[in-house]
Amino acid sequence: MTDNEIVNLVTFVLKKLWPKWDLNTEQLAVWRTALRPVNYFAAKKAAEEHFISQEGAYGRPKLHAIIELGRKYQPRQPIAKQPTDYTPSVFVQCVEHKDPIKLYQFFAVYVGIESQNDRDYILQAARRMCERIEALYGGSWIIVQNTSVEFMRDMLIDYRIGVDFRVYKEALAEQRKSKRYEFIREPPEFSG
């Protein structure tokens, strides 16, 4: 709430509801500081609700009551979007694994907005991420720095286009083929 809105709230809402209430300069400064994060319309509605309550019948408004009631009328703040211009430059990549499909897989290391320029923090996060991924997927994973998502993706595609991966995919497809069973008729029983 702005200073003008706080003065309007005190003058045109609170003093009208509690006409005997007198406010000195120091008290107004406290009210200004406490009401700054509260929306004007939420504070006005809270003051009206406080006036109706039993606590508001004592001849002066209670600051804590208006703030508490104002929280429930406070408009919801939209969730701040992450900046879209952040591109990761640190990745965790698999370099050795018994399952060829895991080879050259990579994960980008994302950190919070406040840490995006802190290189040491990013590397520390990458080390923790590397340990967790090795524990989860097995194999050997490394940290790749100063590169782009496009480069990492190209490396993965180049590997998957390679002969070794094609042979692996064909063998995997062969294993997944549905097995066909031929039913052989049993010879009829001889009655004898």
C-alpha atoms as a PDB file:
ATOM      1  CA  MET A   1       0.000   0.000   0.000  1.00  0.00           C
ATOM      2  CA  THR A   2       1.291   3.467  -0.783  1.00  0.00           C
ATOM      3  CA  ASP A   3       1.543   6.273   1.782  1.00  0.00           C
ATOM      4  CA  ASN A   4      -1.450   8.057   0.240  1.00  0.00           C
ATOM      5  CA  GLU A   5      -3.546   4.881   0.472  1.00  0.00           C
ATOM      6  CA  ILE A   6      -2.556   4.456   4.124  1.00  0.00           C
ATOM      7  CA  VAL A   7      -3.542   8.053   4.907  1.00  0.00           C
ATOM      8  CA  ASN A   8      -6.860   7.514   3.060  1.00  0.00           C
ATOM      9  CA  LEU A   9      -7.468   4.297   4.984  1.00  0.00           C
ATOM     10  CA  VAL A  10      -6.830   5.992   8.304  1.00  0.00           C
ATOM     11  CA  THR A  11      -8.740   9.184   7.467  1.00  0.00           C
ATOM     12  CA  PHE A  12     -11.721   7.916   5.500  1.00  0.00           C
ATOM     13  CA  VAL A  13     -12.204   4.406   6.862  1.00  0.00           C
ATOM     14  CA  LEU A  14     -10.735   3.947  10.333  1.00  0.00           C
ATOM     15  CA  LYS A  15     -11.554   7.432  11.723  1.00  0.00           C
ATOM     16  CA  LYS A  16     -15.104   7.155  10.343  1.00  0.00           C
ATOM     17  CA  LEU A  17     -15.627   3.769  11.994  1.00  0.00           C
ATOM     18  CA  TRP A  18     -13.924   4.799  15.280  1.00  0.00           C
ATOM     19  CA  PRO A  19     -14.574   8.571  15.547  1.00  0.00           C
ATOM     20  CA  LYS A  20     -13.129   8.892  19.077  1.00  0.00           C
ATOM     21  CA  TRP A  21      -9.845   7.287  18.037  1.00  0.00           C
ATOM     22  CA  ASP A  22      -6.944   9.726  18.003  1.00  0.00           C
ATOM     23  CA  LEU A  23      -3.646   8.929  16.308  1.00  0.00           C
ATOM     24  CA  ASN A  24      -0.345  10.750  16.883  1.00  0.00           C
ATOM     25  CA  THR A  25       2.586  11.000  14.428  1.00  0.00           C
ATOM     26  CA  GLU A  26       4.585   8.128  15.923  1.00  0.00           C
ATOM     27  CA  GLN A  27       1.572   5.828  15.870  1.00  0.00           C
ATOM     28  CA  LEU A  28       0.877   6.762  12.239  1.00  0.00           C
ATOM     29  CA  ALA A  29       4.479   5.846  11.366  1.00  0.00           C
ATOM     30  CA  VAL A  30       3.988   2.409  12.928  1.00  0.00           C
ATOM     31  CA  TRP A  31       0.700   1.947  11.058  1.00  0.00           C
ATOM     32  CA  ARG A  32       2.391   2.975   7.780  1.00  0.00           C
ATOM     33  CA  THR A  33       5.192   0.452   8.231  1.00  0.00           C
ATOM     34  CA  ALA A  34       2.865  -2.373   9.245  1.00  0.00           C
ATOM     35  CA  LEU A  35       0.244  -1.763   6.539  1.00  0.00           C
ATOM     36  CA  ARG A  36       2.641  -1.273   3.609  1.00  0.00           C
ATOM     37  CA  PRO A  37       2.528  -4.950   2.451  1.00  0.00           C
ATOM     38  CA  VAL A  38      -1.286  -5.102   2.698  1.00  0.00           C
ATOM     39  CA  ASN A  39      -3.463  -4.219  -0.293  1.00  0.00           C
ATOM     40  CA  TYR A  40      -5.687  -1.136   0.260  1.00  0.00           C
ATOM     41  CA  PHE A  41      -8.960  -2.909  -0.537  1.00  0.00           C
ATOM     42  CA  ALA A  42      -8.003  -5.896   1.609  1.00  0.00           C
ATOM     43  CA  ALA A  43      -7.196  -3.557   4.522  1.00  0.00           C
ATOM     44  CA  LYS A  44     -10.488  -1.651   4.051  1.00  0.00           C
ATOM     45  CA  LYS A  45     -12.502  -4.872   4.055  1.00  0.00           C
ATOM     46  CA  ALA A  46     -10.507  -6.118   7.055  1.00  0.00           C
ATOM     47  CA  ALA A  47     -11.202  -2.860   8.953  1.00  0.00           C
ATOM     48  CA  GLU A  48     -14.936  -3.221   8.293  1.00  0.00           C
ATOM     49  CA  GLU A  49     -14.895  -6.833   9.465  1.00  0.00           C
ATOM     50  CA  HIS A  50     -12.836  -5.865  12.528  1.00  0.00           C
ATOM     51  CA  PHE A  51     -15.364  -3.122  13.370  1.00  0.00           C
ATOM     52  CA  ILE A  52     -18.148  -5.714  13.438  1.00  0.00           C
ATOM     53  CA  SER A  53     -16.166  -8.115  15.634  1.00  0.00           C
ATOM     54  CA  GLN A  54     -16.253  -8.059  19.418  1.00  0.00           C
ATOM     55  CA  GLU A  55     -12.616  -6.935  19.537  1.00  0.00           C
ATOM     56  CA  GLY A  56     -13.424  -3.862  17.431  1.00  0.00           C
ATOM     57  CA  ALA A  57     -16.050  -2.573  19.836  1.00  0.00           C
ATOM     58  CA  TYR A  58     -13.486  -1.025  22.218  1.00  0.00           C
ATOM     59  CA  GLY A  59     -13.346   2.432  20.678  1.00  0.00           C
ATOM     60  CA  ARG A  60     -10.171   2.035  18.613  1.00  0.00           C
ATOM     61  CA  PRO A  61      -8.951  -0.322  15.897  1.00  0.00           C
ATOM     62  CA  LYS A  62      -6.346  -2.967  16.609  1.00  0.00           C
ATOM     63  CA  LEU A  63      -3.509  -2.969  14.094  1.00  0.00           C
ATOM     64  CA  HIS A  64      -2.746  -6.672  14.453  1.00  0.00           C
ATOM     65  CA  ALA A  65      -6.407  -7.584  13.869  1.00  0.00           C
ATOM     66  CA  ILE A  66      -6.583  -5.541  10.657  1.00  0.00           C
ATOM     67  CA  ILE A  67      -3.370  -7.087   9.367  1.00  0.00           C
ATOM     68  CA  GLU A  68      -4.528 -10.633  10.215  1.00  0.00           C
ATOM     69  CA  LEU A  69      -7.936 -10.113   8.610  1.00  0.00           C
ATOM     70  CA  GLY A  70      -6.333  -8.323   5.659  1.00  0.00           C
ATOM     71  CA  ARG A  71      -4.270 -11.422   4.822  1.00  0.00           C
ATOM     72  CA  LYS A  72      -7.349 -13.408   3.942  1.00  0.00           C
ATOM     73  CA  TYR A  73      -8.566 -10.677   1.567  1.00  0.00           C
ATOM     74  CA  GLN A  74      -5.142 -10.036   0.081  1.00  0.00           C
ATOM     75  CA  PRO A  75      -5.214 -10.718  -3.678  1.00  0.00           C
ATOM     76  CA  ARG A  76      -3.149 -13.695  -4.740  1.00  0.00           C
ATOM     77  CA  GLN A  77       0.154 -12.802  -6.305  1.00  0.00           C
ATOM     78  CA  PRO A  78       0.856 -14.608  -9.549  1.00  0.00           C
ATOM     79  CA  ILE A  79       3.739 -17.048  -9.357  1.00  0.00           C
ATOM     80  CA  ALA A  80       6.825 -15.381 -10.723  1.00  0.00           C
ATOM     81  CA  LYS A  81       7.899 -16.978 -13.967  1.00  0.00           C
ATOM     82  CA  GLN A  82      11.433 -18.143 -14.416  1.00  0.00           C
ATOM     83  CA  PRO A  83      13.319 -16.046 -16.911  1.00  0.00           C
ATOM     84  CA  THR A  84      13.192 -17.715 -20.299  1.00  0.00           C
ATOM     85  CA  ASP A  85      16.546 -16.350 -21.444  1.00  0.00           C
ATOM     86  CA  TYR A  86      18.524 -18.600 -19.060  1.00  0.00           C
ATOM     87  CA  THR A  87      20.291 -21.332 -20.961  1.00  0.00           C
ATOM     88  CA  PRO A  88      22.258 -23.903 -19.011  1.00  0.00           C
ATOM     89  CA  SER A  89      25.928 -24.361 -19.836  1.00  0.00           C
ATOM     90  CA  VAL A  90      26.710 -27.155 -17.364  1.00  0.00           C
ATOM     91  CA  PHE A  91      25.502 -30.726 -17.917  1.00  0.00           C
ATOM     92  CA  VAL A  92      25.862 -34.155 -16.392  1.00  0.00           C
ATOM     93  CA  GLN A  93      26.494 -36.817 -19.053  1.00  0.00           C
ATOM     94  CA  CYS A  94      26.854 -40.606 -19.050  1.00  0.00           C
ATOM     95  CA  VAL A  95      30.169 -41.799 -20.519  1.00  0.00           C
ATOM     96  CA  GLU A  96      30.156 -45.439 -19.479  1.00  0.00           C
ATOM     97  CA  HIS A  97      27.235 -47.777 -18.916  1.00  0.00           C
ATOM     98  CA  LYS A  98      26.429 -51.429 -19.520  1.00  0.00           C
ATOM     99  CA  ASP A  99      23.160 -50.383 -21.187  1.00  0.00           C
ATOM    100  CA  PRO A 100      24.034 -48.604 -24.467  1.00  0.00           C
ATOM    101  CA  ILE A 101      20.824 -46.584 -24.396  1.00  0.00           C
ATOM    102  CA  LYS A 102      22.142 -44.679 -21.371  1.00  0.00           C
ATOM    103  CA  LEU A 103      25.408 -43.705 -23.077  1.00  0.00           C
ATOM    104  CA  TYR A 104      25.674 -39.994 -23.853  1.00  0.00           C
ATOM    105  CA  GLN A 105      22.372 -39.270 -22.120  1.00  0.00           C
ATOM    106  CA  PHE A 106      22.623 -35.917 -20.395  1.00  0.00           C
ATOM    107  CA  PHE A 107      20.842 -33.737 -17.890  1.00  0.00           C
ATOM    108  CA  ALA A 108      21.115 -29.965 -17.734  1.00  0.00           C
ATOM    109  CA  VAL A 109      22.010 -28.441 -14.375  1.00  0.00           C
ATOM    110  CA  TYR A 110      19.427 -25.806 -13.472  1.00  0.00           C
ATOM    111  CA  VAL A 111      19.783 -23.567 -10.426  1.00  0.00           C
ATOM    112  CA  GLY A 112      17.678 -20.819  -8.890  1.00  0.00           C
ATOM    113  CA  ILE A 113      17.605 -17.300 -10.325  1.00  0.00           C
ATOM    114  CA  GLU A 114      19.822 -15.884  -7.593  1.00  0.00           C
ATOM    115  CA  SER A 115      22.565 -18.473  -8.265  1.00  0.00           C
ATOM    116  CA  GLN A 116      22.656 -18.469 -12.064  1.00  0.00           C
ATOM    117  CA  ASN A 117      25.802 -16.324 -12.196  1.00  0.00           C
ATOM    118  CA  ASP A 118      27.631 -18.152  -9.397  1.00  0.00           C
ATOM    119  CA  ARG A 119      29.915 -20.642 -11.186  1.00  0.00           C
ATOM    120  CA  ASP A 120      31.062 -22.365  -7.985  1.00  0.00           C
ATOM    121  CA  TYR A 121      27.493 -22.936  -6.849  1.00  0.00           C
ATOM    122  CA  ILE A 122      26.543 -24.386 -10.257  1.00  0.00           C
ATOM    123  CA  LEU A 123      29.497 -26.797 -10.193  1.00  0.00           C
ATOM    124  CA  GLN A 124      28.640 -27.826  -6.652  1.00  0.00           C
ATOM    125  CA  ALA A 125      25.060 -28.522  -7.759  1.00  0.00           C
ATOM    126  CA  ALA A 126      26.396 -30.499 -10.737  1.00  0.00           C
ATOM    127  CA  ARG A 127      28.566 -32.663  -8.449  1.00  0.00           C
ATOM    128  CA  ARG A 128      25.608 -33.456  -6.202  1.00  0.00           C
ATOM    129  CA  MET A 129      23.477 -34.176  -9.255  1.00  0.00           C
ATOM    130  CA  CYS A 130      26.172 -36.443 -10.700  1.00  0.00           C
ATOM    131  CA  GLU A 131      26.334 -38.461  -7.463  1.00  0.00           C
ATOM    132  CA  ARG A 132      22.557 -38.877  -7.342  1.00  0.00           C
ATOM    133  CA  ILE A 133      22.305 -39.915 -10.979  1.00  0.00           C
ATOM    134  CA  GLU A 134      25.119 -42.468 -10.610  1.00  0.00           C
ATOM    135  CA  ALA A 135      23.360 -43.906  -7.566  1.00  0.00           C
ATOM    136  CA  LEU A 136      20.054 -44.037  -9.441  1.00  0.00           C
ATOM    137  CA  TYR A 137      21.081 -45.193 -12.927  1.00  0.00           C
ATOM    138  CA  GLY A 138      24.550 -46.655 -12.373  1.00  0.00           C
ATOM    139  CA  GLY A 139      27.417 -46.208 -14.816  1.00  0.00           C
ATOM    140  CA  SER A 140      29.898 -43.351 -14.965  1.00  0.00           C
ATOM    141  CA  TRP A 141      28.687 -39.779 -15.339  1.00  0.00           C
ATOM    142  CA  ILE A 142      30.790 -36.662 -15.858  1.00  0.00           C
ATOM    143  CA  ILE A 143      30.260 -32.918 -15.647  1.00  0.00           C
ATOM    144  CA  VAL A 144      30.473 -31.097 -18.976  1.00  0.00           C
ATOM    145  CA  GLN A 145      30.967 -27.315 -18.789  1.00  0.00           C
ATOM    146  CA  ASN A 146      30.811 -24.353 -21.156  1.00  0.00           C
ATOM    147  CA  THR A 147      28.669 -25.977 -23.800  1.00  0.00           C
ATOM    148  CA  SER A 148      25.109 -25.758 -25.059  1.00  0.00           C
ATOM    149  CA  VAL A 149      22.036 -27.949 -25.171  1.00  0.00           C
ATOM    150  CA  GLU A 150      22.373 -28.106 -28.960  1.00  0.00           C
ATOM    151  CA  PHE A 151      25.932 -29.471 -28.761  1.00  0.00           C
ATOM    152  CA  MET A 152      24.921 -32.084 -26.186  1.00  0.00           C
ATOM    153  CA  ARG A 153      21.916 -33.113 -28.271  1.00  0.00           C
ATOM    154  CA  ASP A 154      24.064 -33.388 -31.421  1.00  0.00           C
ATOM    155  CA  MET A 155      26.539 -35.602 -29.579  1.00  0.00           C
ATOM    156  CA  LEU A 156      23.719 -37.887 -28.444  1.00  0.00           C
ATOM    157  CA  ILE A 157      22.230 -38.039 -31.962  1.00  0.00           C
ATOM    158  CA  ASP A 158      25.638 -38.766 -33.515  1.00  0.00           C
ATOM    159  CA  TYR A 159      26.070 -41.675 -31.127  1.00  0.00           C
ATOM    160  CA  ARG A 160      22.591 -43.020 -31.783  1.00  0.00           C
ATOM    161  CA  ILE A 161      23.070 -42.851 -35.546  1.00  0.00           C
ATOM    162  CA  GLY A 162      26.322 -44.791 -35.188  1.00  0.00           C
ATOM    163  CA  VAL A 163      26.612 -48.464 -36.105  1.00  0.00           C
ATOM    164  CA  ASP A 164      26.884 -49.789 -32.551  1.00  0.00           C
ATOM    165  CA  PHE A 165      23.618 -48.257 -31.486  1.00  0.00           C
ATOM    166  CA  ARG A 166      21.813 -49.463 -34.616  1.00  0.00           C
ATOM    167  CA  VAL A 167      22.932 -53.034 -33.876  1.00  0.00           C
ATOM    168  CA  TYR A 168      21.708 -52.622 -30.299  1.00  0.00           C
ATOM    169  CA  LYS A 169      18.323 -51.300 -31.457  1.00  0.00           C
ATOM    170  CA  GLU A 170      17.895 -54.169 -33.923  1.00  0.00           C
ATOM    171  CA  ALA A 171      18.708 -56.730 -31.227  1.00  0.00           C
ATOM    172  CA  LEU A 172      16.276 -55.022 -28.862  1.00  0.00           C
ATOM    173  CA  ALA A 173      13.553 -55.023 -31.533  1.00  0.00           C
ATOM    174  CA  GLU A 174      14.185 -58.717 -32.170  1.00  0.00           C
ATOM    175  CA  GLN A 175      13.733 -59.449 -28.468  1.00  0.00           C
ATOM    176  CA  ARG A 176      10.491 -57.493 -28.343  1.00  0.00           C
ATOM    177  CA  LYS A 177       8.919 -59.219 -31.342  1.00  0.00           C
ATOM    178  CA  SER A 178       6.003 -61.255 -30.318  1.00  0.00           C
ATOM    179  CA  LYS A 179       6.834 -64.912 -30.370  1.00  0.00           C
ATOM    180  CA  ARG A 180       4.633 -66.911 -32.645  1.00  0.00           C
ATOM    181  CA  TYR A 181       3.615 -70.254 -31.399  1.00  0.00           C
ATOM    182  CA  GLU A 182       2.499 -72.932 -33.768  1.00  0.00           C
ATOM    183  CA  PHE A 183      -0.050 -75.285 -32.413  1.00  0.00           C
ATOM    184  CA  ILE A 184       0.411 -78.799 -33.629  1.00  0.00           C
ATOM    185  CA  ARG A 185      -2.655 -80.895 -33.717  1.00  0.00           C
ATOM    186  CA  GLU A 186      -2.412 -83.974 -31.677  1.00  0.00           C
ATOM    187  CA  PRO A 187      -3.074 -87.124 -33.582  1.00  0.00           C
ATOM    188  CA  PRO A 188      -6.523 -88.535 -33.015  1.00  0.00           C
ATOM    189  CA  GLU A 189      -6.680 -91.284 -30.487  1.00  0.00           C
ATOM    190  CA  PHE A 190      -7.183 -94.696 -31.928  1.00  0.00           C
ATOM    191  CA  SER A 191     -10.081 -96.605 -30.694  1.00  0.00           C
ATOM    192  CA  GLY A 192      -9.190-100.063 -30.508  1.00  0.00           C
END
